[in-house]
Amino acid sequence: MVKNRHHDIPELGFASPVGTPAGIEVMTFTELRSRVGGRALGAPRRPAFHQLLNLSRGALHHTVDFTDYTVEPGSWLWIRPGQVQQWGDLQLTEGTLILFEQDFLDPATATTARLDDPYAPLVYEPGHDQLQSLRDAADHLGRAFGAVGQLPLDVQQTVLRHLLAVLVLRLAHLAAPAGAVVPEPGDTFVRFRTAVEVEFTRTRRLKDYADALRYDPRTLSRATQAATGVNAKEFIDRRVVLEAKRLLAHSDHTAAQIAAHLGFSSATNFSKYFHQRTGTTPIAFRANVRGG
């Protein structure tokens, strides 16, 4: 299933099972429990791949980036690369887990399904008329993944790519009420969002992003406001704060080390920045989230 690469927040890289197509894996919760052999999955992990969870029995409590979610039969949870997750108790649940790498799907599908959008919804609640279509898509995908040896490996991979595309496209368009038109994020915002994800540890200045992308800062703010409901500077700050929270909660780095990693000149400046945006200090946040 996965291999652990040792980072401050343990990152899970993807490793396909031997003899199966690269880039994807489908398993039941029963198979997952057998795989981990009774070991707890509650420790925080940062997967470098997509995870789709769907329950058929029980209720699963799952934490993603400090928000608790409850997945019940019929609902779906979509965890994207880079998000920090903590599993709840799997013992009384049954369901399906689908893992796939970011580049497994073709670029057109990835764009339409918002694969690279870390701000896309996590929980999807299909209506009655959509429930069976999603279940059929997931069942078909699972059977195709398990049909080892029936097709050449490269052909099986192509089949799985198409079946997964059907599933993620259906899921991605559950976020809006039936019949509603969901506007695609504009190119200006997409370019800005991508730049922030790459550079937020280096700079928090909107002007730096505007200069690099050759936009007026006001243009970036208008595009970001339209796509997310917050202005561009707030968008940058939220990304920095999220990473700070991840590191405070899930690593043993000092505030000074986290400050340096996030591009602050001192722990004092980092603490002031964090307090202004969260209402608490880094030390108090760490103590609270760890129950100290």
Protein backbone atom coordinates (compact mmCIF):
# COMPACT_ATOMS: atom_id res chain seq x y z
CA MET A 1 0.00 0.00 0.00
CA VAL A 2 2.34 2.73 1.22
CA LYS A 3 5.87 3.26 2.35
CA ASN A 4 6.85 5.67 5.11
CA ARG A 5 9.41 8.35 4.38
CA HIS A 6 10.62 9.89 7.62
CA HIS A 7 9.80 13.57 7.78
CA ASP A 8 8.80 15.85 10.66
CA ILE A 9 5.21 14.98 9.86
CA PRO A 10 5.60 11.43 8.53
CA GLU A 11 4.85 11.50 4.81
CA LEU A 12 3.34 8.47 3.17
CA GLY A 13 4.60 7.84 -0.34
CA PHE A 14 2.74 5.56 -2.72
CA ALA A 15 3.93 2.05 -3.60
CA SER A 16 1.73 -0.15 -5.77
CA PRO A 17 1.38 -3.81 -4.71
CA VAL A 18 3.56 -6.17 -6.74
CA GLY A 19 1.86 -7.33 -9.92
CA THR A 20 -0.72 -4.52 -10.02
CA PRO A 21 -0.88 -1.42 -12.22
CA ALA A 22 1.21 1.51 -11.01
CA GLY A 23 -0.41 4.52 -9.39
CA ILE A 24 -3.62 3.09 -7.93
CA GLU A 25 -4.84 0.66 -5.28
CA VAL A 26 -8.35 -0.35 -4.23
CA MET A 27 -9.04 -2.27 -1.02
CA THR A 28 -11.79 -3.00 1.46
CA PHE A 29 -11.52 -1.97 5.09
CA THR A 30 -11.23 -5.66 5.94
CA GLU A 31 -8.17 -5.86 3.72
CA LEU A 32 -6.79 -2.67 5.28
CA ARG A 33 -7.16 -4.10 8.80
CA SER A 34 -5.38 -7.26 7.67
CA ARG A 35 -2.63 -5.17 6.08
CA VAL A 36 -1.85 -3.19 9.24
CA GLY A 37 -2.07 -6.33 11.40
CA GLY A 38 -3.78 -4.76 14.37
CA ARG A 39 -1.53 -1.69 14.50
CA ALA A 40 -3.29 1.56 15.27
CA LEU A 41 -3.63 4.04 12.41
CA GLY A 42 -4.30 7.03 14.66
CA ALA A 43 -0.89 8.69 14.34
CA PRO A 44 -0.88 11.79 12.08
CA ARG A 45 0.33 11.20 8.54
CA ARG A 46 0.71 13.40 5.46
CA PRO A 47 -0.09 11.25 2.39
CA ALA A 48 1.50 12.19 -0.92
CA PHE A 49 -1.45 10.75 -2.83
CA HIS A 50 -5.25 10.96 -3.00
CA GLN A 51 -7.48 8.85 -0.76
CA LEU A 52 -11.19 8.22 -1.29
CA LEU A 53 -13.08 6.60 1.59
CA ASN A 54 -16.63 5.26 1.37
CA LEU A 55 -18.40 3.36 4.14
CA SER A 56 -20.93 0.57 3.80
CA ARG A 57 -21.29 -0.11 7.55
CA GLY A 58 -20.62 1.75 10.79
CA ALA A 59 -19.29 5.28 11.25
CA LEU A 60 -15.68 6.39 10.92
CA HIS A 61 -14.33 9.43 12.74
CA HIS A 62 -11.47 10.90 10.75
CA THR A 63 -9.44 14.05 11.40
CA VAL A 64 -8.03 16.10 8.53
CA ASP A 65 -6.05 19.27 9.28
CA PHE A 66 -7.58 19.79 12.75
CA THR A 67 -11.17 19.27 11.62
CA ASP A 68 -13.08 16.16 12.71
CA TYR A 69 -15.23 14.45 10.11
CA THR A 70 -17.68 11.59 10.50
CA VAL A 71 -18.03 9.33 7.48
CA GLU A 72 -21.25 7.31 7.44
CA PRO A 73 -22.65 4.82 4.91
CA GLY A 74 -23.24 6.57 1.61
CA SER A 75 -20.96 9.55 2.24
CA TRP A 76 -17.46 9.97 0.81
CA LEU A 77 -14.30 11.51 2.22
CA TRP A 78 -11.66 12.79 -0.22
CA ILE A 79 -8.22 13.46 1.30
CA ARG A 80 -5.76 15.19 -1.01
CA PRO A 81 -1.95 15.10 -1.09
CA GLY A 82 -0.33 17.14 1.66
CA GLN A 83 -3.30 17.18 4.02
CA VAL A 84 -2.53 15.77 7.47
CA GLN A 85 -4.90 13.01 8.51
CA GLN A 86 -5.54 10.86 11.56
CA TRP A 87 -7.62 7.70 11.31
CA GLY A 88 -10.33 6.81 13.78
CA ASP A 89 -11.21 3.29 14.94
CA LEU A 90 -11.74 0.95 11.98
CA GLN A 91 -12.85 -2.11 13.93
CA LEU A 92 -16.62 -1.70 13.57
CA THR A 93 -16.63 -0.32 10.04
CA GLU A 94 -16.72 -1.69 6.54
CA GLY A 95 -16.11 0.18 3.35
CA THR A 96 -13.79 0.88 0.45
CA LEU A 97 -10.50 2.77 0.31
CA ILE A 98 -9.18 3.98 -3.04
CA LEU A 99 -5.63 5.34 -3.27
CA PHE A 100 -4.22 6.99 -6.38
CA GLU A 101 -1.31 9.22 -7.31
CA GLN A 102 -1.79 12.78 -8.52
CA ASP A 103 -0.65 12.04 -12.08
CA PHE A 104 -2.60 8.79 -12.49
CA LEU A 105 -5.48 10.53 -14.27
CA ASP A 106 -5.16 12.45 -17.53
CA PRO A 107 -4.70 16.25 -17.30
CA ALA A 108 -8.21 17.09 -18.58
CA THR A 109 -9.85 14.90 -15.93
CA ALA A 110 -7.51 16.23 -13.24
CA THR A 111 -8.52 19.81 -14.08
CA THR A 112 -12.26 19.14 -14.25
CA ALA A 113 -12.21 17.14 -11.00
CA ARG A 114 -10.09 19.83 -9.23
CA LEU A 115 -7.45 17.28 -8.28
CA ASP A 116 -4.83 19.93 -7.47
CA ASP A 117 -7.16 22.08 -5.35
CA PRO A 118 -6.29 21.63 -1.64
CA TYR A 119 -9.32 23.79 -0.77
CA ALA A 120 -11.88 21.55 -2.47
CA PRO A 121 -14.50 19.92 -0.22
CA LEU A 122 -13.50 16.87 1.80
CA VAL A 123 -16.91 15.36 2.50
CA TYR A 124 -19.35 14.54 -0.28
CA GLU A 125 -22.98 13.63 0.42
CA PRO A 126 -24.66 12.18 -2.66
CA GLY A 127 -28.42 12.41 -3.04
CA HIS A 128 -30.54 9.33 -3.39
CA ASP A 129 -30.41 9.42 -7.19
CA GLN A 130 -26.60 9.77 -7.17
CA LEU A 131 -25.88 7.15 -4.52
CA GLN A 132 -26.27 4.10 -6.75
CA SER A 133 -24.25 5.59 -9.59
CA LEU A 134 -21.31 6.21 -7.27
CA ARG A 135 -21.62 2.77 -5.70
CA ASP A 136 -21.68 1.15 -9.14
CA ALA A 137 -18.62 3.16 -10.23
CA ALA A 138 -16.67 2.18 -7.10
CA ASP A 139 -17.71 -1.50 -7.36
CA HIS A 140 -16.69 -1.62 -11.03
CA LEU A 141 -13.34 -0.02 -10.19
CA GLY A 142 -12.73 -2.51 -7.37
CA ARG A 143 -13.54 -5.52 -9.55
CA ALA A 144 -11.28 -4.24 -12.32
CA PHE A 145 -8.42 -3.70 -9.86
CA GLY A 146 -8.81 -7.22 -8.53
CA ALA A 147 -8.90 -8.82 -11.97
CA VAL A 148 -5.17 -9.49 -12.02
CA GLY A 149 -3.99 -11.46 -15.03
CA GLN A 150 -7.16 -11.08 -17.09
CA LEU A 151 -5.63 -8.31 -19.17
CA PRO A 152 -2.07 -7.19 -19.90
CA LEU A 153 -0.90 -4.89 -17.10
CA ASP A 154 -0.77 -1.76 -19.27
CA VAL A 155 -4.28 -2.42 -20.59
CA GLN A 156 -5.59 -2.98 -17.06
CA GLN A 157 -4.03 0.32 -16.02
CA THR A 158 -5.84 2.12 -18.85
CA VAL A 159 -9.14 0.53 -17.84
CA LEU A 160 -8.61 1.58 -14.21
CA ARG A 161 -7.73 5.12 -15.29
CA HIS A 162 -11.03 5.44 -17.16
CA LEU A 163 -13.10 3.90 -14.36
CA LEU A 164 -11.49 6.13 -11.73
CA ALA A 165 -12.16 9.16 -13.93
CA VAL A 166 -15.87 8.34 -13.91
CA LEU A 167 -15.89 8.11 -10.13
CA VAL A 168 -13.93 11.30 -9.35
CA LEU A 169 -15.85 13.36 -11.91
CA ARG A 170 -19.14 12.27 -10.35
CA LEU A 171 -17.83 13.05 -6.88
CA ALA A 172 -16.38 16.43 -7.82
CA HIS A 173 -19.74 17.61 -9.07
CA LEU A 174 -21.66 16.71 -5.93
CA ALA A 175 -20.51 19.91 -4.20
CA ALA A 176 -23.30 21.99 -5.72
CA PRO A 177 -27.07 21.46 -5.60
CA ALA A 178 -28.52 19.51 -8.50
CA GLY A 179 -28.74 21.67 -11.59
CA ALA A 180 -26.42 24.37 -10.26
CA VAL A 181 -23.50 25.53 -12.36
CA VAL A 182 -20.18 25.44 -10.49
CA PRO A 183 -17.82 28.06 -11.95
CA GLU A 184 -14.30 26.86 -12.56
CA PRO A 185 -11.61 28.87 -10.75
CA GLY A 186 -10.20 31.51 -13.07
CA ASP A 187 -6.74 31.14 -14.55
CA THR A 188 -5.46 34.11 -12.53
CA PHE A 189 -6.45 32.52 -9.23
CA VAL A 190 -5.17 29.07 -10.25
CA ARG A 191 -1.76 30.54 -11.08
CA PHE A 192 -1.71 32.46 -7.80
CA ARG A 193 -2.80 29.43 -5.76
CA THR A 194 -0.07 27.31 -7.34
CA ALA A 195 2.56 29.96 -6.64
CA VAL A 196 1.48 30.26 -3.01
CA GLU A 197 1.73 26.51 -2.51
CA VAL A 198 5.30 26.57 -3.80
CA GLU A 199 6.54 29.81 -2.24
CA PHE A 200 4.63 30.42 1.00
CA THR A 201 7.63 29.43 3.15
CA ARG A 202 9.76 31.96 1.29
CA THR A 203 7.49 35.01 1.13
CA ARG A 204 4.21 36.23 2.59
CA ARG A 205 4.20 39.49 0.60
CA LEU A 206 1.43 39.81 -1.97
CA LYS A 207 3.63 42.12 -4.04
CA ASP A 208 6.20 39.35 -4.51
CA TYR A 209 3.55 37.07 -6.00
CA ALA A 210 2.13 39.85 -8.14
CA ASP A 211 5.58 40.69 -9.51
CA ALA A 212 6.44 37.05 -10.19
CA LEU A 213 3.12 36.41 -11.97
CA ARG A 214 3.06 39.84 -13.66
CA TYR A 215 -0.29 40.88 -12.22
CA ASP A 216 -1.38 43.94 -10.33
CA PRO A 217 -1.91 43.02 -6.63
CA ARG A 218 -5.50 44.25 -6.91
CA THR A 219 -6.09 41.84 -9.78
CA LEU A 220 -4.88 38.92 -7.65
CA SER A 221 -7.09 40.02 -4.77
CA ARG A 222 -10.19 40.29 -6.96
CA ALA A 223 -9.56 36.86 -8.48
CA THR A 224 -8.94 35.29 -5.09
CA GLN A 225 -11.98 36.96 -3.53
CA ALA A 226 -14.16 35.63 -6.34
CA ALA A 227 -12.81 32.09 -6.00
CA THR A 228 -12.51 31.75 -2.20
CA GLY A 229 -14.32 34.62 -0.51
CA VAL A 230 -11.13 36.08 0.99
CA ASN A 231 -8.60 38.50 -0.43
CA ALA A 232 -5.17 37.42 -1.70
CA LYS A 233 -3.22 38.46 1.42
CA GLU A 234 -5.62 36.58 3.65
CA PHE A 235 -5.26 33.54 1.39
CA ILE A 236 -1.47 33.62 1.82
CA ASP A 237 -1.75 34.07 5.58
CA ARG A 238 -4.18 31.17 5.95
CA ARG A 239 -1.78 28.88 4.12
CA VAL A 240 1.12 29.91 6.37
CA VAL A 241 -0.98 29.47 9.52
CA LEU A 242 -2.17 26.04 8.40
CA GLU A 243 1.41 24.85 7.92
CA ALA A 244 2.40 26.36 11.27
CA LYS A 245 -0.44 24.47 12.96
CA ARG A 246 0.58 21.23 11.25
CA LEU A 247 4.15 21.57 12.44
CA LEU A 248 3.21 22.63 15.95
CA ALA A 249 0.78 19.75 16.34
CA HIS A 250 2.65 16.96 14.60
CA SER A 251 6.37 17.70 14.99
CA ASP A 252 8.70 18.35 17.90
CA HIS A 253 10.31 21.39 16.34
CA THR A 254 10.69 24.42 18.57
CA ALA A 255 8.87 27.64 17.73
CA ALA A 256 12.21 29.06 16.57
CA GLN A 257 12.76 26.15 14.17
CA ILE A 258 9.22 26.45 12.79
CA ALA A 259 9.68 30.20 12.44
CA ALA A 260 12.85 29.68 10.40
CA HIS A 261 11.18 27.03 8.23
CA LEU A 262 8.31 29.42 7.45
CA GLY A 263 10.61 32.31 6.63
CA PHE A 264 10.27 34.44 9.76
CA SER A 265 13.25 36.43 10.97
CA SER A 266 12.70 35.38 14.59
CA ALA A 267 10.52 33.29 16.85
CA THR A 268 9.13 36.52 18.31
CA ASN A 269 7.90 37.74 14.93
CA PHE A 270 6.40 34.32 14.21
CA SER A 271 4.63 34.27 17.58
CA LYS A 272 3.13 37.75 16.99
CA TYR A 273 1.98 36.77 13.49
CA PHE A 274 0.44 33.51 14.72
CA HIS A 275 -1.30 35.21 17.67
CA GLN A 276 -2.77 37.96 15.49
CA ARG A 277 -4.37 35.39 13.18
CA THR A 278 -5.43 32.68 15.62
CA GLY A 279 -5.91 34.45 18.94
CA THR A 280 -3.42 32.17 20.67
CA THR A 281 0.33 31.71 20.87
CA PRO A 282 2.19 28.86 19.15
CA ILE A 283 3.07 27.32 22.52
CA ALA A 284 -0.52 27.50 23.75
CA PHE A 285 -1.83 26.06 20.49
CA ARG A 286 0.58 23.11 20.72
CA ALA A 287 -0.37 22.45 24.34
CA ASN A 288 -4.08 22.58 23.53
CA VAL A 289 -3.99 20.36 20.46
CA ARG A 290 -1.82 17.79 22.23
CA GLY A 291 -3.93 17.87 25.36
CA GLY A 292 -1.09 19.26 27.47
